[in-house]
Every structure is written in C-alpha cells, then in structure tokens.
Protein backbone atom coordinates (compact mmCIF):
# COMPACT_ATOMS: atom_id res chain seq x y z
CA MET A 1 21.80 -3.85 5.23
CA LYS A 2 23.93 -6.76 4.04
CA ALA A 3 21.79 -9.49 5.58
CA PRO A 4 21.13 -12.33 3.11
CA ASN A 5 17.38 -11.92 3.55
CA PRO A 6 16.63 -8.54 5.14
CA MET A 7 12.92 -8.53 4.35
CA VAL A 8 10.44 -9.23 7.14
CA THR A 9 6.75 -10.03 6.63
CA PHE A 10 3.94 -9.44 9.12
CA PHE A 11 0.44 -10.84 8.68
CA LYS A 12 -2.57 -9.05 10.13
CA THR A 13 -6.32 -9.20 9.64
CA LEU A 14 -7.92 -5.77 9.39
CA ASP A 15 -11.53 -4.91 10.09
CA VAL A 16 -12.57 -3.07 6.89
CA THR A 17 -16.29 -2.79 7.68
CA ASN A 18 -16.12 1.00 7.94
CA LEU A 19 -14.16 1.32 4.69
CA LEU A 20 -16.78 -0.72 2.83
CA THR A 21 -19.55 1.42 4.30
CA VAL A 22 -17.79 4.63 3.20
CA SER A 23 -17.03 3.15 -0.21
CA ARG A 24 -20.67 2.30 -0.84
CA LYS A 25 -22.15 5.43 0.73
CA LYS A 26 -19.83 7.91 -1.04
CA LYS A 27 -19.37 5.81 -4.21
CA LEU A 28 -15.58 5.69 -3.76
CA LYS A 29 -13.38 2.79 -4.80
CA PHE A 30 -12.49 0.48 -1.92
CA ASN A 31 -8.90 0.07 -3.21
CA MET A 32 -8.44 3.85 -3.37
CA LEU A 33 -9.69 4.23 0.20
CA LEU A 34 -7.37 1.51 1.45
CA CYS A 35 -4.38 3.05 -0.38
CA TYR A 36 -5.27 6.42 1.15
CA CYS A 37 -5.39 4.91 4.65
CA ILE A 38 -2.05 3.15 4.06
CA ALA A 39 -0.34 6.39 3.04
CA LYS A 40 -2.03 8.38 5.81
CA ALA A 41 -0.85 5.86 8.41
CA ALA A 42 2.71 5.95 7.02
CA VAL A 43 3.19 9.74 6.89
CA GLY A 44 3.22 9.97 10.68
CA ILE A 45 6.05 7.45 11.10
CA ASP A 46 9.53 8.87 10.44
CA VAL A 47 11.12 5.62 9.25
CA PHE A 48 8.79 5.52 6.24
CA TYR A 49 10.72 8.46 4.75
CA THR A 50 13.93 6.45 4.45
CA LEU A 51 14.68 3.54 2.14
CA PRO A 52 17.74 1.34 1.65
CA VAL A 53 18.91 1.75 -1.96
CA GLY A 54 22.10 -0.08 -2.87
CA GLU A 55 24.65 0.73 -0.16
CA LYS A 56 22.86 3.91 0.97
CA LEU A 57 19.88 4.84 3.09
CA MET A 58 17.94 7.40 1.01
CA GLN A 59 15.87 10.12 2.68
CA TYR A 60 12.63 11.32 1.05
CA ASP A 61 10.35 14.27 1.78
CA THR A 62 7.13 12.74 0.50
CA ILE A 63 5.29 9.41 0.38
CA ALA A 64 3.38 7.78 -2.46
CA VAL A 65 1.44 4.55 -2.82
CA SER A 66 1.79 2.23 -5.79
CA THR A 67 -1.12 0.14 -7.00
CA ILE A 68 -1.42 -2.48 -9.73
CA VAL A 69 -3.66 -1.56 -12.67
CA ASN A 70 -5.19 -3.90 -15.24
CA ASN A 71 -4.53 -2.16 -18.54
CA LYS A 72 -6.60 -2.15 -21.74
CA CYS A 73 -4.27 -4.74 -23.35
CA GLY A 74 -5.06 -7.33 -20.67
CA ASP A 75 -1.72 -6.93 -18.88
CA ILE A 76 -0.84 -5.13 -15.68
CA ASN A 77 1.14 -2.00 -14.87
CA PHE A 78 2.00 -0.27 -11.65
CA CYS A 79 0.75 3.20 -10.87
CA ASP A 80 2.25 5.50 -8.23
CA ILE A 81 -0.11 7.94 -6.53
CA PRO A 82 1.33 10.79 -4.44
CA TYR A 83 -0.15 11.10 -0.96
CA ALA A 84 -2.43 14.07 -0.39
CA GLU A 85 -3.93 14.59 3.06
CA ASP A 86 -7.20 15.72 1.52
CA LEU A 87 -9.16 12.59 0.52
CA GLU A 88 -10.82 14.34 -2.43
CA LYS A 89 -7.43 15.36 -3.88
CA PHE A 90 -6.04 11.86 -3.33
CA ASN A 91 -9.12 10.35 -5.01
CA CYS A 92 -8.73 12.66 -8.03
CA ALA A 93 -5.05 11.74 -8.38
CA TYR A 94 -5.91 8.05 -7.99
CA LEU A 95 -8.61 8.15 -10.67
CA GLU A 96 -6.55 10.26 -13.09
CA ASN A 97 -3.36 8.22 -12.70
CA THR A 98 -4.97 4.78 -12.83
CA SER A 99 -7.08 5.78 -15.87
CA TRP A 100 -3.97 7.04 -17.66
CA VAL A 101 -2.03 3.85 -16.87
CA CYS A 102 -4.97 1.70 -18.01
CA GLU A 103 -5.24 3.58 -21.31
CA HIS A 104 -1.51 3.97 -22.10
CA CYS A 105 -0.30 0.59 -20.77
CA GLU A 106 2.69 2.28 -19.12
CA ASN A 107 3.89 2.44 -15.52
CA THR A 108 4.01 5.69 -13.60
CA ASP A 109 7.03 6.00 -11.34
CA LEU A 110 7.49 8.46 -8.49
CA SER A 111 10.32 6.51 -6.82
CA SER A 112 12.92 9.19 -7.54
CA ASP A 113 10.77 11.82 -5.79
CA SER A 114 8.88 9.89 -3.08
CA MET A 115 9.27 6.88 -0.85
CA VAL A 116 6.76 4.54 -2.48
CA ILE A 117 4.76 1.95 -0.57
CA GLY A 118 3.88 -0.89 -2.93
CA THR A 119 0.48 -2.56 -2.85
CA SER A 120 -1.07 -5.48 -4.65
CA ALA A 121 -4.72 -6.52 -4.48
CA ILE A 122 -5.43 -10.05 -5.71
CA ILE A 123 -9.20 -9.76 -5.30
CA GLU A 124 -10.03 -12.83 -7.37
CA THR A 125 -9.49 -15.02 -4.32
CA GLU A 126 -9.43 -14.95 -0.54
CA LEU A 127 -5.88 -15.12 0.75
CA ASP A 128 -4.48 -15.70 4.20
CA GLY A 129 -1.15 -14.10 3.32
CA ILE A 130 1.49 -13.46 0.69
CA VAL A 131 5.26 -13.50 1.08
CA GLY A 132 7.34 -11.81 -1.61
CA MET A 133 10.83 -12.63 -2.73
CA ASN A 134 13.71 -10.30 -1.90
CA THR A 135 15.78 -9.61 -4.98
CA GLY A 136 17.64 -6.65 -3.52
CA ILE A 137 16.25 -4.45 -6.30
CA PHE A 138 13.02 -3.36 -4.62
CA ASN A 139 13.33 -2.73 -0.90
CA ASN A 140 10.14 -0.70 -0.56
CA PRO A 141 7.53 -1.64 2.03
CA PHE A 142 4.86 -3.74 0.35
CA ILE A 143 1.30 -4.55 1.38
CA SER A 144 -0.72 -7.31 -0.30
CA TRP A 145 -4.26 -8.56 0.13
CA GLY A 146 -6.92 -10.69 -1.49
CA ARG A 147 -10.70 -10.47 -1.32
CA TYR A 148 -12.27 -9.26 1.92
CA ARG A 149 -14.43 -11.68 3.88
CA LYS A 150 -17.70 -11.34 5.73
CA LYS A 151 -17.54 -12.61 9.30
CA ASP A 152 -20.71 -12.20 11.33
CA LEU A 153 -21.68 -8.53 10.84
CA GLN A 154 -18.17 -7.37 9.94
CA TYR A 155 -15.84 -7.53 6.97
CA GLU A 156 -12.24 -8.52 7.45
CA LEU A 157 -9.22 -8.35 5.19
CA PRO A 158 -6.06 -10.39 5.85
CA ILE A 159 -3.02 -8.45 4.67
CA SER A 160 0.69 -9.12 4.37
CA PHE A 161 3.08 -6.28 5.16
CA GLN A 162 6.66 -6.82 3.99
CA PHE A 163 9.39 -4.36 4.92
CA HIS A 164 13.17 -4.05 4.88
CA HIS A 165 14.62 -4.47 8.36
CA THR A 166 17.16 -1.70 7.69
CA GLN A 167 14.27 0.72 7.13
CA MET A 168 12.28 -0.21 10.22
CA ASP A 169 12.11 -2.54 13.17
CA GLY A 170 9.20 -4.75 14.11
CA SER A 171 7.91 -2.18 16.62
CA HIS A 172 7.65 0.43 13.83
CA ALA A 173 5.85 -2.05 11.59
CA GLY A 174 3.47 -3.06 14.37
CA ARG A 175 2.70 0.58 15.18
CA PHE A 176 2.07 1.27 11.48
CA LEU A 177 -0.45 -1.60 11.31
CA GLU A 178 -2.25 -0.31 14.41
CA ILE A 179 -2.39 3.21 12.96
CA LEU A 180 -3.63 1.76 9.66
CA GLN A 181 -6.53 0.09 11.46
CA ASN A 182 -7.29 3.37 13.25
CA GLU A 183 -7.29 5.26 9.92
CA ILE A 184 -9.68 2.70 8.44
CA ASN A 185 -11.97 3.13 11.43
CA ALA A 186 -11.79 6.95 11.21
CA GLN A 187 -12.90 7.30 7.60
C-alpha cells in the first residue's frame, strides 16, 4: 500500500462488434452498454469490493460505474451509476443520472456507498492506450478508451485498465478483462 507508484495499467483490445449490433438494434447508447458490461464483469470478482483508502482497505457491498458527462455549460462532470443486474434498470439509471448531471452541471458521487469503477471515453480520436497519474487520492480501478475501429468485419476497442496493486493482482485484472469480453459477447 505504501509503494511509490502502486498503480498498474493493462492494455487490451476488445471485440465490441456485438455491443454495436445491440446498441443499434435496441437503440441503446454504446457507452451505457459498455459501462453495464464493465460493472457486470466486476461484480463476480471479490477484490472489486475492496479499495485502498488512505491507510485502510475499505470493504463495500455494492459496485457503481462512473462516466464522464459533457454538461450544458460546455464543461465536464462525472456521474456515478449504481450497478443493477437488470439491463433495463441500469439503462434507466444511466439516462436519468447523466441527464441530471448534464442539466445541473454537478457531479454525482456514490463513492461513500459503493466501490466505483471510473471510466473515460475520449471518442473524438482513436487511442492505443491511456496511462493515468497516481496522486494517491483516487485509487479506484479506471478504464479508458477512445473511438472504436473497424477491422475487417469486426469492430475493436483498445482500452486501458488501471488498478491499484493493493486491491488486486495481475491475475485478477486479467480475469476481469476476460470476463468483460465475455459479457460484451453475451449481450
């Protein structure tokens, strides 16, 4: 926990062809679907319910996903969405919470109630990866991505997954990324 740089970043390219198909067919937002898959993959892995905070390892009962929202003032805010196993419920919470954040230009914060997985979509450009800075303030797992790419008949999305080594080991992170791909395929 006292390592000078305890954050580890994995890079992986996901096949998001199925998610795009579902998004278009059911008229659901791609970002919402990806956030849902991220949370759904995390809830089955015990280490996602703990988080290093200061000198302690905090235990949570629930998981949420945070997304960045462009607000009506032209700035950005973060918006935490609690995980719901039912996709329709998660979608409703996503739409309600992101609309509220957009309109009110205020963050929503569930970090005192849930272990929050941060996300950031920089869809204006294709990215090969992103590495964040560890300040010691935010130790939450964090997933970033840019614009998806078409490759042959498939769509791929390179992501960066940053996590605190006190929270999980590389094997946990690797298993999470495999489960995430399986969740994307299962939608």
